[in-house]
Amino acid sequence: MNKHKKIVKNSIIIAGPCAAESREQIITSAKEAKKRKVDFMRVSLWKPRTKPGFDGLGKSGIPFLIEVVKMGINPATEVLLPSHAKAVMKAVLPVLKQGKLLLWIGSRNQNHIVQQQIAKVTSKDERVMLLVKNQPWSDEAHWEGIVEHVLSVGINKENLILCHRGFGPNGHNPLGLRNIPDYEMSMRIKMKTGLPMVFDPSHTGGLVPNVLKLAKEALNHDFDGAMVEVHPDPTNALTDAKQQLTWEQFDRMVKAYEKN
């Protein structure tokens, strides 16, 4: 039984490790997610990297998505190419039944042709939700353009979610954040597009104290949920170790939301 209420009414909560690393890590995370009201659990199989390093399990991790589904949890993963989306959908949808699958286009994926192709693949099944993050640099017109490219292939707006994960500091970063949130711009994009907008405090904060601070700060704006990185053993995470919460820290974040 879920022991936590929804963080906010009608909110969308996406939580789990930055990257899928092993079966043990994913099953442990799934057991924790199942105790809580998490709409989608991150089981991200592909990780774009600034420099060479662990870039995910790729297709070899797809069986873990299936196991998560069989545990009654909706899985979520970033996809870099339309072939990734096709592979995940082909494997997961036959066992999904009444659940949902969330795929997302990450901030670095700014090839509009690839964005369109991924959106076209996901539009083939109503059980597939597509989340789209803003680009790394601050440019409102470009952010609008991403949404327009995705919508141009005929995807149902009911299956589309936007995510604000901040913009590159560009040399000005007095608070020491990983990325700088622009709450006002994200609210304008939400209003212009009529699409739900979730906030990613993990990629804006970069460090656990910042993540918790920004998650609470975002409550002053009309976000429709949160996308948070939560790891069973953050110290030994293969990616983004310093910004991933423990499940206990996630619980404290939830309490802060519920008191709002």
Protein backbone atom coordinates (compact mmCIF):
# COMPACT_ATOMS: atom_id res chain seq x y z
CA MET A 1 0.00 0.00 0.00
CA ASN A 2 1.25 3.49 -0.79
CA LYS A 3 2.00 5.29 2.48
CA HIS A 4 2.31 8.77 0.99
CA LYS A 5 -0.35 10.97 -0.55
CA LYS A 6 0.16 12.67 -3.86
CA ILE A 7 2.60 15.55 -3.38
CA VAL A 8 0.09 18.03 -4.74
CA LYS A 9 -3.36 17.50 -6.18
CA ASN A 10 -3.20 16.11 -9.73
CA SER A 11 0.60 16.32 -9.71
CA ILE A 12 2.91 14.13 -11.77
CA ILE A 13 5.72 12.59 -9.73
CA ILE A 14 8.66 10.97 -11.52
CA ALA A 15 11.33 9.57 -9.19
CA GLY A 16 14.14 7.06 -9.27
CA PRO A 17 17.84 6.69 -10.06
CA CYS A 18 19.56 8.94 -12.56
CA ALA A 19 20.55 5.84 -14.54
CA ALA A 20 19.76 2.14 -14.47
CA GLU A 21 22.97 0.49 -13.30
CA SER A 22 22.06 -3.09 -12.41
CA ARG A 23 19.10 -5.38 -11.79
CA GLU A 24 19.67 -5.21 -8.02
CA GLN A 25 19.65 -1.40 -8.04
CA ILE A 26 16.46 -1.23 -10.12
CA ILE A 27 14.52 -3.84 -8.14
CA THR A 28 15.56 -2.22 -4.84
CA SER A 29 14.42 1.16 -6.20
CA ALA A 30 11.15 -0.30 -7.47
CA LYS A 31 10.34 -1.72 -4.03
CA GLU A 32 10.92 1.71 -2.50
CA ALA A 33 8.91 3.49 -5.21
CA LYS A 34 6.02 1.09 -4.68
CA LYS A 35 5.76 2.18 -1.03
CA ARG A 36 5.23 5.74 -2.17
CA LYS A 37 2.92 7.58 -4.53
CA VAL A 38 5.27 7.74 -7.50
CA ASP A 39 3.55 7.98 -10.89
CA PHE A 40 6.61 6.95 -12.90
CA MET A 41 9.91 5.44 -11.80
CA ARG A 42 13.10 6.44 -13.60
CA VAL A 43 14.77 3.42 -15.20
CA SER A 44 16.88 5.42 -17.61
CA LEU A 45 18.81 3.16 -19.99
CA TRP A 46 20.67 5.71 -22.11
CA LYS A 47 22.72 8.57 -20.66
CA PRO A 48 24.27 11.33 -22.78
CA ARG A 49 27.67 12.22 -21.32
CA THR A 50 29.86 15.32 -21.54
CA LYS A 51 32.95 13.09 -21.47
CA PRO A 52 33.31 9.33 -21.98
CA GLY A 53 32.08 7.28 -19.05
CA PHE A 54 29.17 5.08 -18.03
CA ASP A 55 26.48 5.92 -20.57
CA GLY A 56 23.82 3.47 -19.47
CA LEU A 57 22.89 -0.15 -19.94
CA GLY A 58 21.19 0.50 -23.26
CA LYS A 59 19.00 -2.25 -24.72
CA SER A 60 20.46 -4.81 -22.31
CA GLY A 61 18.49 -3.06 -19.54
CA ILE A 62 15.08 -3.37 -21.22
CA PRO A 63 14.25 -6.57 -19.24
CA PHE A 64 14.49 -4.44 -16.07
CA LEU A 65 11.76 -2.16 -17.43
CA ILE A 66 9.58 -5.23 -17.90
CA GLU A 67 10.24 -6.39 -14.33
CA VAL A 68 9.28 -2.95 -13.02
CA VAL A 69 6.02 -3.11 -14.99
CA LYS A 70 5.24 -6.55 -13.55
CA MET A 71 5.69 -5.04 -10.07
CA GLY A 72 2.86 -2.63 -10.88
CA ILE A 73 5.01 0.44 -11.53
CA ASN A 74 4.98 2.72 -14.57
CA PRO A 75 8.54 2.95 -15.97
CA ALA A 76 10.28 6.00 -17.44
CA THR A 77 13.44 6.26 -19.51
CA GLU A 78 15.24 8.80 -21.64
CA VAL A 79 15.58 7.87 -25.31
CA LEU A 80 18.20 9.40 -27.57
CA LEU A 81 17.00 7.99 -30.89
CA PRO A 82 13.71 6.81 -32.40
CA SER A 83 15.17 3.28 -32.48
CA HIS A 84 15.47 3.43 -28.68
CA ALA A 85 11.80 4.38 -28.38
CA LYS A 86 10.78 1.57 -30.74
CA ALA A 87 12.81 -1.04 -28.83
CA VAL A 88 11.38 -0.01 -25.45
CA MET A 89 7.80 0.16 -26.72
CA LYS A 90 8.04 -3.21 -28.48
CA ALA A 91 9.20 -4.91 -25.28
CA VAL A 92 7.19 -3.06 -22.64
CA LEU A 93 3.77 -2.41 -24.15
CA PRO A 94 2.71 -6.09 -24.39
CA VAL A 95 3.05 -6.43 -20.59
CA LEU A 96 1.91 -2.92 -19.61
CA LYS A 97 -1.85 -3.58 -19.70
CA GLN A 98 -3.54 -0.55 -18.06
CA GLY A 99 -0.36 1.26 -17.07
CA LYS A 100 1.65 4.01 -18.75
CA LEU A 101 5.12 4.20 -20.23
CA LEU A 102 6.99 7.51 -20.05
CA LEU A 103 9.75 8.27 -22.55
CA TRP A 104 11.58 11.55 -22.59
CA ILE A 105 13.69 13.71 -24.87
CA GLY A 106 16.57 15.13 -22.87
CA SER A 107 17.98 18.62 -22.80
CA ARG A 108 20.96 17.83 -25.01
CA ASN A 109 18.90 16.21 -27.74
CA GLN A 110 18.41 19.31 -29.91
CA ASN A 111 18.29 17.78 -33.41
CA HIS A 112 14.77 18.73 -34.46
CA ILE A 113 14.54 15.83 -36.91
CA VAL A 114 15.29 13.36 -34.11
CA GLN A 115 12.80 15.14 -31.84
CA GLN A 116 10.11 14.77 -34.49
CA GLN A 117 10.95 11.12 -35.16
CA ILE A 118 10.82 10.20 -31.47
CA ALA A 119 7.49 12.02 -31.09
CA LYS A 120 6.09 10.20 -34.13
CA VAL A 121 7.10 6.80 -32.71
CA THR A 122 5.56 7.53 -29.31
CA SER A 123 2.34 8.80 -30.88
CA LYS A 124 1.53 5.26 -32.08
CA ASP A 125 0.14 4.15 -28.71
CA GLU A 126 -1.98 6.15 -26.26
CA ARG A 127 -0.32 4.42 -23.31
CA VAL A 128 2.96 6.17 -24.10
CA MET A 129 3.62 9.57 -22.57
CA LEU A 130 6.36 11.80 -23.96
CA LEU A 131 8.18 14.28 -21.74
CA VAL A 132 10.31 17.00 -23.32
CA LYS A 133 12.98 18.96 -21.43
CA ASN A 134 14.12 22.48 -22.28
CA GLN A 135 17.42 23.03 -24.11
CA PRO A 136 20.62 23.84 -22.10
CA TRP A 137 20.77 27.53 -23.09
CA SER A 138 18.26 30.23 -22.19
CA ASP A 139 16.17 31.03 -25.25
CA GLU A 140 12.40 31.18 -25.02
CA ALA A 141 11.86 31.04 -28.79
CA HIS A 142 13.95 27.89 -29.05
CA TRP A 143 12.02 26.23 -26.23
CA GLU A 144 8.76 27.06 -28.00
CA GLY A 145 10.26 25.66 -31.20
CA ILE A 146 11.00 22.31 -29.57
CA VAL A 147 7.35 22.00 -28.60
CA GLU A 148 6.23 23.00 -32.08
CA HIS A 149 8.52 20.41 -33.70
CA VAL A 150 7.17 17.67 -31.46
CA LEU A 151 3.55 18.67 -32.04
CA SER A 152 4.06 18.90 -35.80
CA VAL A 153 3.98 15.10 -36.21
CA GLY A 154 0.48 14.81 -34.75
CA ILE A 155 1.16 13.60 -31.21
CA ASN A 156 -1.84 13.93 -28.90
CA LYS A 157 -1.32 16.87 -26.52
CA GLU A 158 -2.86 14.73 -23.77
CA ASN A 159 0.25 12.53 -23.99
CA LEU A 160 2.79 15.34 -23.80
CA ILE A 161 4.52 16.76 -20.70
CA LEU A 162 7.13 19.53 -20.52
CA CYS A 163 9.95 19.68 -18.00
CA HIS A 164 12.03 22.62 -16.80
CA ARG A 165 15.55 21.62 -15.72
CA GLY A 166 17.17 25.03 -15.73
CA PHE A 167 19.64 26.66 -18.14
CA GLY A 168 23.44 26.66 -18.19
CA PRO A 169 24.92 29.18 -15.72
CA ASN A 170 26.98 30.93 -18.45
CA GLY A 171 29.49 32.22 -15.91
CA HIS A 172 26.96 33.82 -13.54
CA ASN A 173 26.16 31.43 -10.72
CA PRO A 174 26.34 33.02 -7.25
CA LEU A 175 24.36 30.19 -5.63
CA GLY A 176 26.55 27.42 -7.06
CA LEU A 177 23.71 25.66 -8.87
CA ARG A 178 24.22 23.15 -11.66
CA ASN A 179 21.73 25.01 -13.82
CA ILE A 180 19.77 28.22 -13.28
CA PRO A 181 15.99 27.92 -13.11
CA ASP A 182 13.87 30.47 -14.92
CA TYR A 183 10.51 30.00 -13.28
CA GLU A 184 8.88 32.91 -15.09
CA MET A 185 9.89 31.63 -18.53
CA SER A 186 8.70 28.12 -17.74
CA MET A 187 5.32 29.49 -16.65
CA ARG A 188 5.06 31.50 -19.87
CA ILE A 189 5.82 28.38 -21.92
CA LYS A 190 3.22 26.46 -19.94
CA MET A 191 0.62 29.15 -20.60
CA LYS A 192 1.47 29.51 -24.31
CA THR A 193 1.40 25.77 -25.01
CA GLY A 194 -1.36 24.71 -22.65
CA LEU A 195 0.78 21.74 -21.62
CA PRO A 196 1.62 20.47 -18.12
CA MET A 197 5.03 21.55 -16.84
CA VAL A 198 7.01 19.62 -14.23
CA PHE A 199 10.16 20.84 -12.49
CA ASP A 200 13.47 18.96 -12.22
CA PRO A 201 15.22 20.13 -9.02
CA SER A 202 17.96 17.51 -9.46
CA HIS A 203 19.49 18.98 -12.61
CA THR A 204 19.02 22.53 -11.41
CA GLY A 205 20.41 21.95 -7.92
CA GLY A 206 23.36 19.67 -8.62
CA LEU A 207 23.89 19.02 -4.89
CA VAL A 208 21.41 17.45 -2.47
CA PRO A 209 20.93 20.58 -0.28
CA ASN A 210 20.25 22.63 -3.43
CA VAL A 211 17.85 19.98 -4.75
CA LEU A 212 15.77 20.10 -1.58
CA LYS A 213 15.86 23.90 -1.48
CA LEU A 214 14.78 24.32 -5.12
CA ALA A 215 12.07 21.67 -4.85
CA LYS A 216 10.49 23.75 -2.09
CA GLU A 217 11.12 27.03 -3.91
CA ALA A 218 9.30 25.70 -6.99
CA LEU A 219 6.11 25.47 -4.93
CA ASN A 220 5.75 29.23 -5.40
CA HIS A 221 5.02 28.55 -9.07
CA ASP A 222 2.34 26.60 -10.91
CA PHE A 223 4.27 23.44 -11.74
CA ASP A 224 2.34 20.24 -12.33
CA GLY A 225 4.77 17.97 -10.54
CA ALA A 226 8.41 17.08 -10.15
CA MET A 227 11.07 14.85 -11.70
CA VAL A 228 13.53 13.87 -8.97
CA GLU A 229 16.59 11.63 -8.94
CA VAL A 230 16.45 9.15 -6.03
CA HIS A 231 19.02 6.37 -5.57
CA PRO A 232 19.22 3.54 -3.00
CA ASP A 233 22.95 4.26 -2.51
CA PRO A 234 23.80 7.71 -3.93
CA THR A 235 27.41 7.67 -2.73
CA ASN A 236 28.18 4.81 -5.10
CA ALA A 237 26.00 5.95 -8.01
CA LEU A 238 27.67 5.71 -11.42
CA THR A 239 26.21 9.03 -12.57
CA ASP A 240 25.29 12.30 -10.81
CA ALA A 241 26.06 10.94 -7.35
CA LYS A 242 26.07 14.37 -5.67
CA GLN A 243 22.54 15.33 -6.69
CA GLN A 244 20.65 12.09 -6.05
CA LEU A 245 18.46 11.89 -2.95
CA THR A 246 18.03 8.86 -0.75
CA TRP A 247 14.45 7.65 -0.43
CA GLU A 248 14.42 9.08 3.11
CA GLN A 249 15.42 12.50 1.76
CA PHE A 250 12.70 12.14 -0.87
CA ASP A 251 10.22 11.53 1.96
CA ARG A 252 11.29 14.77 3.63
CA MET A 253 10.80 16.60 0.34
CA VAL A 254 7.33 15.11 0.09
CA LYS A 255 6.45 16.33 3.59
CA ALA A 256 7.56 19.84 2.68
CA TYR A 257 5.25 19.73 -0.33
CA GLU A 258 2.32 18.40 1.69
CA LYS A 259 2.66 21.20 4.25
CA ASN A 260 2.55 23.85 1.53
